[in-house]
């Protein structure tokens, strides 16, 4: 039985990781720019485009995972590490779904009513129920607070996930990290 993830799972993982890293950085930069700055509008459109892309990638990942079970963890992984890993992955997937959905809700409820044009090409609709609200301000404020808080929690979770993978690689010297690296990187650490 293979201990490495398949090519599709690895590709989806790293595409998602790159997109999320970009979203977290751009999310902080764009909110710090002054209102009316042309770069702010461009970054918001990029942020929304990549956020919806992450939603699509996550749905693909979940569908793929249902059909292609992840490889089992090595036998030497302790029971509590297995539980922590399962909980962390569950939380990551919840954030990968919840962040784009809360962002979409925020944009839909915004009194500014800016359109979302994915990558400058594809118009993305607002959520009708939120777009039709007569008093959008308090709802938009609620979604903004939730989206901002979730962004900070996701940042912490991603750092924890990366730190755990590096801890396994550098301290435990096991193959946990290597299982999710591209195939051209040798799987075995034995003898290193």
C-alpha atoms as a PDB file:
ATOM      1  CA  UNK A   1       0.000   0.000   0.000  1.00  0.00           C
ATOM      2  CA  UNK A   2       1.330   3.432  -0.966  1.00  0.00           C
ATOM      3  CA  UNK A   3       2.157   5.958   1.719  1.00  0.00           C
ATOM      4  CA  UNK A   4       2.276   8.899  -0.685  1.00  0.00           C
ATOM      5  CA  UNK A   5      -0.667  11.002  -1.801  1.00  0.00           C
ATOM      6  CA  UNK A   6      -1.569  10.791  -5.483  1.00  0.00           C
ATOM      7  CA  UNK A   7      -0.637  13.392  -8.079  1.00  0.00           C
ATOM      8  CA  UNK A   8      -4.119  14.962  -8.142  1.00  0.00           C
ATOM      9  CA  UNK A   9      -4.281  15.319  -4.346  1.00  0.00           C
ATOM     10  CA  UNK A  10      -0.757  16.770  -4.225  1.00  0.00           C
ATOM     11  CA  UNK A  11      -1.508  19.239  -7.028  1.00  0.00           C
ATOM     12  CA  UNK A  12      -4.776  20.376  -5.435  1.00  0.00           C
ATOM     13  CA  UNK A  13      -3.059  20.735  -2.044  1.00  0.00           C
ATOM     14  CA  UNK A  14      -0.244  22.959  -3.322  1.00  0.00           C
ATOM     15  CA  UNK A  15      -2.498  25.042  -5.587  1.00  0.00           C
ATOM     16  CA  UNK A  16      -4.743  25.654  -2.584  1.00  0.00           C
ATOM     17  CA  UNK A  17      -1.762  26.410  -0.323  1.00  0.00           C
ATOM     18  CA  UNK A  18      -0.355  28.990  -2.754  1.00  0.00           C
ATOM     19  CA  UNK A  19      -3.757  30.594  -3.257  1.00  0.00           C
ATOM     20  CA  UNK A  20      -4.469  30.778   0.483  1.00  0.00           C
ATOM     21  CA  UNK A  21      -1.034  32.258   1.213  1.00  0.00           C
ATOM     22  CA  UNK A  22      -1.670  34.930  -1.417  1.00  0.00           C
ATOM     23  CA  UNK A  23      -5.174  35.605  -0.097  1.00  0.00           C
ATOM     24  CA  UNK A  24      -3.962  36.047   3.476  1.00  0.00           C
ATOM     25  CA  UNK A  25      -1.202  38.471   2.470  1.00  0.00           C
ATOM     26  CA  UNK A  26      -3.330  40.447  -0.001  1.00  0.00           C
ATOM     27  CA  UNK A  27      -6.216  40.504   2.479  1.00  0.00           C
ATOM     28  CA  UNK A  28      -4.075  42.428   4.959  1.00  0.00           C
ATOM     29  CA  UNK A  29      -2.522  44.720   2.334  1.00  0.00           C
ATOM     30  CA  UNK A  30      -5.794  45.686   0.624  1.00  0.00           C
ATOM     31  CA  UNK A  31      -7.591  46.587   3.841  1.00  0.00           C
ATOM     32  CA  UNK A  32      -4.713  48.883   4.860  1.00  0.00           C
ATOM     33  CA  UNK A  33      -4.856  50.903   1.622  1.00  0.00           C
ATOM     34  CA  UNK A  34      -6.762  54.200   1.674  1.00  0.00           C
ATOM     35  CA  UNK A  35     -10.290  54.222   0.254  1.00  0.00           C
ATOM     36  CA  UNK A  36     -10.315  55.378  -3.351  1.00  0.00           C
ATOM     37  CA  UNK A  37      -6.850  54.001  -4.136  1.00  0.00           C
ATOM     38  CA  UNK A  38      -6.985  52.301  -7.546  1.00  0.00           C
ATOM     39  CA  UNK A  39      -4.754  49.493  -6.279  1.00  0.00           C
ATOM     40  CA  UNK A  40      -7.286  48.778  -3.534  1.00  0.00           C
ATOM     41  CA  UNK A  41     -10.028  48.030  -6.097  1.00  0.00           C
ATOM     42  CA  UNK A  42      -7.657  45.813  -8.124  1.00  0.00           C
ATOM     43  CA  UNK A  43      -6.570  43.867  -5.027  1.00  0.00           C
ATOM     44  CA  UNK A  44     -10.176  43.394  -3.871  1.00  0.00           C
ATOM     45  CA  UNK A  45     -11.125  41.998  -7.287  1.00  0.00           C
ATOM     46  CA  UNK A  46      -8.093  39.686  -7.214  1.00  0.00           C
ATOM     47  CA  UNK A  47      -8.919  38.627  -3.646  1.00  0.00           C
ATOM     48  CA  UNK A  48     -12.516  37.812  -4.595  1.00  0.00           C
ATOM     49  CA  UNK A  49     -11.422  35.942  -7.751  1.00  0.00           C
ATOM     50  CA  UNK A  50      -8.875  33.804  -5.942  1.00  0.00           C
ATOM     51  CA  UNK A  51     -11.245  33.280  -2.994  1.00  0.00           C
ATOM     52  CA  UNK A  52     -13.913  31.813  -5.294  1.00  0.00           C
ATOM     53  CA  UNK A  53     -11.182  29.728  -6.942  1.00  0.00           C
ATOM     54  CA  UNK A  54     -10.233  28.345  -3.509  1.00  0.00           C
ATOM     55  CA  UNK A  55     -13.886  27.452  -2.942  1.00  0.00           C
ATOM     56  CA  UNK A  56     -13.883  25.509  -6.229  1.00  0.00           C
ATOM     57  CA  UNK A  57     -10.543  23.833  -5.465  1.00  0.00           C
ATOM     58  CA  UNK A  58     -11.792  22.832  -2.015  1.00  0.00           C
ATOM     59  CA  UNK A  59     -14.970  21.298  -3.411  1.00  0.00           C
ATOM     60  CA  UNK A  60     -12.814  19.385  -5.917  1.00  0.00           C
ATOM     61  CA  UNK A  61     -10.488  18.260  -3.109  1.00  0.00           C
ATOM     62  CA  UNK A  62     -13.385  17.015  -1.000  1.00  0.00           C
ATOM     63  CA  UNK A  63     -14.918  15.156  -3.947  1.00  0.00           C
ATOM     64  CA  UNK A  64     -11.530  13.634  -4.788  1.00  0.00           C
ATOM     65  CA  UNK A  65     -10.963  12.646  -1.163  1.00  0.00           C
ATOM     66  CA  UNK A  66     -14.327  10.851  -1.034  1.00  0.00           C
ATOM     67  CA  UNK A  67     -13.334   8.678  -3.984  1.00  0.00           C
ATOM     68  CA  UNK A  68      -9.578   8.409  -3.293  1.00  0.00           C
ATOM     69  CA  UNK A  69      -8.935   7.841   0.396  1.00  0.00           C
ATOM     70  CA  UNK A  70      -5.755   9.417   1.788  1.00  0.00           C
ATOM     71  CA  UNK A  71      -2.887   7.025   2.442  1.00  0.00           C
ATOM     72  CA  UNK A  72      -2.730   5.721   6.005  1.00  0.00           C
ATOM     73  CA  UNK A  73      -0.417   7.407   8.459  1.00  0.00           C
ATOM     74  CA  UNK A  74       2.742   5.452   9.338  1.00  0.00           C
ATOM     75  CA  UNK A  75       2.366   3.000  12.222  1.00  0.00           C
ATOM     76  CA  UNK A  76       4.751   4.994  14.427  1.00  0.00           C
ATOM     77  CA  UNK A  77       2.363   7.982  14.508  1.00  0.00           C
ATOM     78  CA  UNK A  78       0.836   8.081  18.005  1.00  0.00           C
ATOM     79  CA  UNK A  79      -2.923   7.950  18.561  1.00  0.00           C
ATOM     80  CA  UNK A  80      -3.037  11.560  19.790  1.00  0.00           C
ATOM     81  CA  UNK A  81      -1.140  12.730  16.694  1.00  0.00           C
ATOM     82  CA  UNK A  82      -3.696  10.932  14.520  1.00  0.00           C
ATOM     83  CA  UNK A  83      -6.542  12.680  16.363  1.00  0.00           C
ATOM     84  CA  UNK A  84      -4.783  16.068  16.162  1.00  0.00           C
ATOM     85  CA  UNK A  85      -4.152  15.557  12.443  1.00  0.00           C
ATOM     86  CA  UNK A  86      -7.773  14.611  11.765  1.00  0.00           C
ATOM     87  CA  UNK A  87      -9.045  17.600  13.753  1.00  0.00           C
ATOM     88  CA  UNK A  88      -6.621  20.000  12.036  1.00  0.00           C
ATOM     89  CA  UNK A  89      -7.629  18.733   8.586  1.00  0.00           C
ATOM     90  CA  UNK A  90     -11.310  19.039   9.462  1.00  0.00           C
ATOM     91  CA  UNK A  91     -10.729  22.618  10.641  1.00  0.00           C
ATOM     92  CA  UNK A  92      -8.721  23.459   7.513  1.00  0.00           C
ATOM     93  CA  UNK A  93     -11.508  22.210   5.245  1.00  0.00           C
ATOM     94  CA  UNK A  94     -14.096  24.124   7.289  1.00  0.00           C
ATOM     95  CA  UNK A  95     -12.091  27.331   6.851  1.00  0.00           C
ATOM     96  CA  UNK A  96     -11.411  26.631   3.161  1.00  0.00           C
ATOM     97  CA  UNK A  97     -15.172  26.461   2.634  1.00  0.00           C
ATOM     98  CA  UNK A  98     -16.225  29.073   5.176  1.00  0.00           C
ATOM     99  CA  UNK A  99     -13.807  31.840   4.225  1.00  0.00           C
ATOM    100  CA  UNK A 100     -14.881  32.131   0.570  1.00  0.00           C
ATOM    101  CA  UNK A 101     -18.546  31.798   1.536  1.00  0.00           C
ATOM    102  CA  UNK A 102     -18.280  34.497   4.206  1.00  0.00           C
ATOM    103  CA  UNK A 103     -16.403  36.737   1.766  1.00  0.00           C
ATOM    104  CA  UNK A 104     -19.109  36.205  -0.853  1.00  0.00           C
ATOM    105  CA  UNK A 105     -21.755  37.008   1.762  1.00  0.00           C
ATOM    106  CA  UNK A 106     -19.830  40.135   2.810  1.00  0.00           C
ATOM    107  CA  UNK A 107     -19.611  41.408  -0.772  1.00  0.00           C
ATOM    108  CA  UNK A 108     -23.284  40.589  -1.360  1.00  0.00           C
ATOM    109  CA  UNK A 109     -24.397  42.478   1.761  1.00  0.00           C
ATOM    110  CA  UNK A 110     -22.093  45.443   1.204  1.00  0.00           C
ATOM    111  CA  UNK A 111     -23.897  48.766   0.759  1.00  0.00           C
ATOM    112  CA  UNK A 112     -21.145  49.693  -1.738  1.00  0.00           C
ATOM    113  CA  UNK A 113     -22.628  47.141  -4.166  1.00  0.00           C
ATOM    114  CA  UNK A 114     -19.384  46.643  -6.101  1.00  0.00           C
ATOM    115  CA  UNK A 115     -19.625  43.899  -8.726  1.00  0.00           C
ATOM    116  CA  UNK A 116     -17.354  40.874  -8.639  1.00  0.00           C
ATOM    117  CA  UNK A 117     -15.711  40.091 -11.967  1.00  0.00           C
ATOM    118  CA  UNK A 118     -13.645  36.920 -11.612  1.00  0.00           C
ATOM    119  CA  UNK A 119     -10.199  37.570 -13.077  1.00  0.00           C
ATOM    120  CA  UNK A 120     -11.669  40.533 -14.967  1.00  0.00           C
ATOM    121  CA  UNK A 121     -13.700  38.208 -17.211  1.00  0.00           C
ATOM    122  CA  UNK A 122     -16.548  36.357 -15.519  1.00  0.00           C
ATOM    123  CA  UNK A 123     -19.258  38.245 -13.599  1.00  0.00           C
ATOM    124  CA  UNK A 124     -20.007  36.564 -10.263  1.00  0.00           C
ATOM    125  CA  UNK A 125     -23.485  37.175  -8.818  1.00  0.00           C
ATOM    126  CA  UNK A 126     -24.240  38.521  -5.385  1.00  0.00           C
ATOM    127  CA  UNK A 127     -26.263  36.269  -3.093  1.00  0.00           C
ATOM    128  CA  UNK A 128     -29.804  37.498  -3.905  1.00  0.00           C
ATOM    129  CA  UNK A 129     -31.153  37.350  -0.349  1.00  0.00           C
ATOM    130  CA  UNK A 130     -28.287  39.518   0.937  1.00  0.00           C
ATOM    131  CA  UNK A 131     -28.182  41.852  -2.049  1.00  0.00           C
ATOM    132  CA  UNK A 132     -31.897  42.611  -1.568  1.00  0.00           C
ATOM    133  CA  UNK A 133     -31.577  43.718   2.068  1.00  0.00           C
ATOM    134  CA  UNK A 134     -32.893  47.206   2.724  1.00  0.00           C
ATOM    135  CA  UNK A 135     -30.461  47.841   5.615  1.00  0.00           C
ATOM    136  CA  UNK A 136     -27.195  46.214   4.558  1.00  0.00           C
ATOM    137  CA  UNK A 137     -24.802  48.015   6.892  1.00  0.00           C
ATOM    138  CA  UNK A 138     -25.224  45.868  10.057  1.00  0.00           C
ATOM    139  CA  UNK A 139     -25.241  42.608   8.087  1.00  0.00           C
ATOM    140  CA  UNK A 140     -22.126  43.609   6.132  1.00  0.00           C
ATOM    141  CA  UNK A 141     -20.423  44.611   9.403  1.00  0.00           C
ATOM    142  CA  UNK A 142     -21.241  41.211  10.906  1.00  0.00           C
ATOM    143  CA  UNK A 143     -19.825  39.339   7.899  1.00  0.00           C
ATOM    144  CA  UNK A 144     -16.745  41.592   7.848  1.00  0.00           C
ATOM    145  CA  UNK A 145     -16.023  40.889  11.511  1.00  0.00           C
ATOM    146  CA  UNK A 146     -16.487  37.162  10.966  1.00  0.00           C
ATOM    147  CA  UNK A 147     -14.372  37.126   7.794  1.00  0.00           C
ATOM    148  CA  UNK A 148     -11.557  39.085   9.465  1.00  0.00           C
ATOM    149  CA  UNK A 149     -11.580  36.867  12.561  1.00  0.00           C
ATOM    150  CA  UNK A 150     -11.687  33.707  10.446  1.00  0.00           C
ATOM    151  CA  UNK A 151      -8.746  35.019   8.399  1.00  0.00           C
ATOM    152  CA  UNK A 152      -6.677  35.395  11.562  1.00  0.00           C
ATOM    153  CA  UNK A 153      -7.689  31.936  12.780  1.00  0.00           C
ATOM    154  CA  UNK A 154      -6.908  30.424   9.370  1.00  0.00           C
ATOM    155  CA  UNK A 155      -3.478  32.070   9.432  1.00  0.00           C
ATOM    156  CA  UNK A 156      -2.778  30.464  12.823  1.00  0.00           C
ATOM    157  CA  UNK A 157      -4.072  27.089  11.628  1.00  0.00           C
ATOM    158  CA  UNK A 158      -1.968  27.179   8.444  1.00  0.00           C
ATOM    159  CA  UNK A 159       1.128  28.050  10.486  1.00  0.00           C
ATOM    160  CA  UNK A 160       0.346  25.183  12.886  1.00  0.00           C
ATOM    161  CA  UNK A 161      -0.145  22.793   9.932  1.00  0.00           C
ATOM    162  CA  UNK A 162       3.174  23.834   8.360  1.00  0.00           C
ATOM    163  CA  UNK A 163       4.984  23.680  11.712  1.00  0.00           C
ATOM    164  CA  UNK A 164       3.657  20.173  12.364  1.00  0.00           C
ATOM    165  CA  UNK A 165       4.825  19.003   8.932  1.00  0.00           C
ATOM    166  CA  UNK A 166       8.267  20.538   9.496  1.00  0.00           C
ATOM    167  CA  UNK A 167       8.444  19.056  13.003  1.00  0.00           C
ATOM    168  CA  UNK A 168       7.831  15.603  11.541  1.00  0.00           C
ATOM    169  CA  UNK A 169      10.422  16.207   8.835  1.00  0.00           C
ATOM    170  CA  UNK A 170      13.191  17.840  10.866  1.00  0.00           C
ATOM    171  CA  UNK A 171      12.738  16.383  14.353  1.00  0.00           C
ATOM    172  CA  UNK A 172      10.983  13.049  13.915  1.00  0.00           C
ATOM    173  CA  UNK A 173      12.674  12.459  10.549  1.00  0.00           C
ATOM    174  CA  UNK A 174       9.650  10.547   9.282  1.00  0.00           C
ATOM    175  CA  UNK A 175       7.934  10.705   5.891  1.00  0.00           C
ATOM    176  CA  UNK A 176       4.822  12.732   6.802  1.00  0.00           C
ATOM    177  CA  UNK A 177       5.890  15.849   4.866  1.00  0.00           C
ATOM    178  CA  UNK A 178       7.349  13.866   1.980  1.00  0.00           C
ATOM    179  CA  UNK A 179       3.982  12.168   1.371  1.00  0.00           C
ATOM    180  CA  UNK A 180       2.573  15.490   0.102  1.00  0.00           C
ATOM    181  CA  UNK A 181       5.576  16.597  -1.945  1.00  0.00           C
ATOM    182  CA  UNK A 182       5.732  16.153  -5.743  1.00  0.00           C
ATOM    183  CA  UNK A 183       6.871  12.803  -7.100  1.00  0.00           C
ATOM    184  CA  UNK A 184      10.273  14.061  -8.275  1.00  0.00           C
ATOM    185  CA  UNK A 185      11.261  14.392  -4.602  1.00  0.00           C
ATOM    186  CA  UNK A 186      12.317  10.952  -3.294  1.00  0.00           C
ATOM    187  CA  UNK A 187      10.001   9.511  -0.650  1.00  0.00           C
ATOM    188  CA  UNK A 188      12.541   7.771   1.542  1.00  0.00           C
ATOM    189  CA  UNK A 189      14.612   9.605   4.151  1.00  0.00           C
ATOM    190  CA  UNK A 190      16.402   6.457   5.210  1.00  0.00           C
ATOM    191  CA  UNK A 191      20.138   6.936   5.277  1.00  0.00           C
ATOM    192  CA  UNK A 192      19.890  10.742   5.342  1.00  0.00           C
END
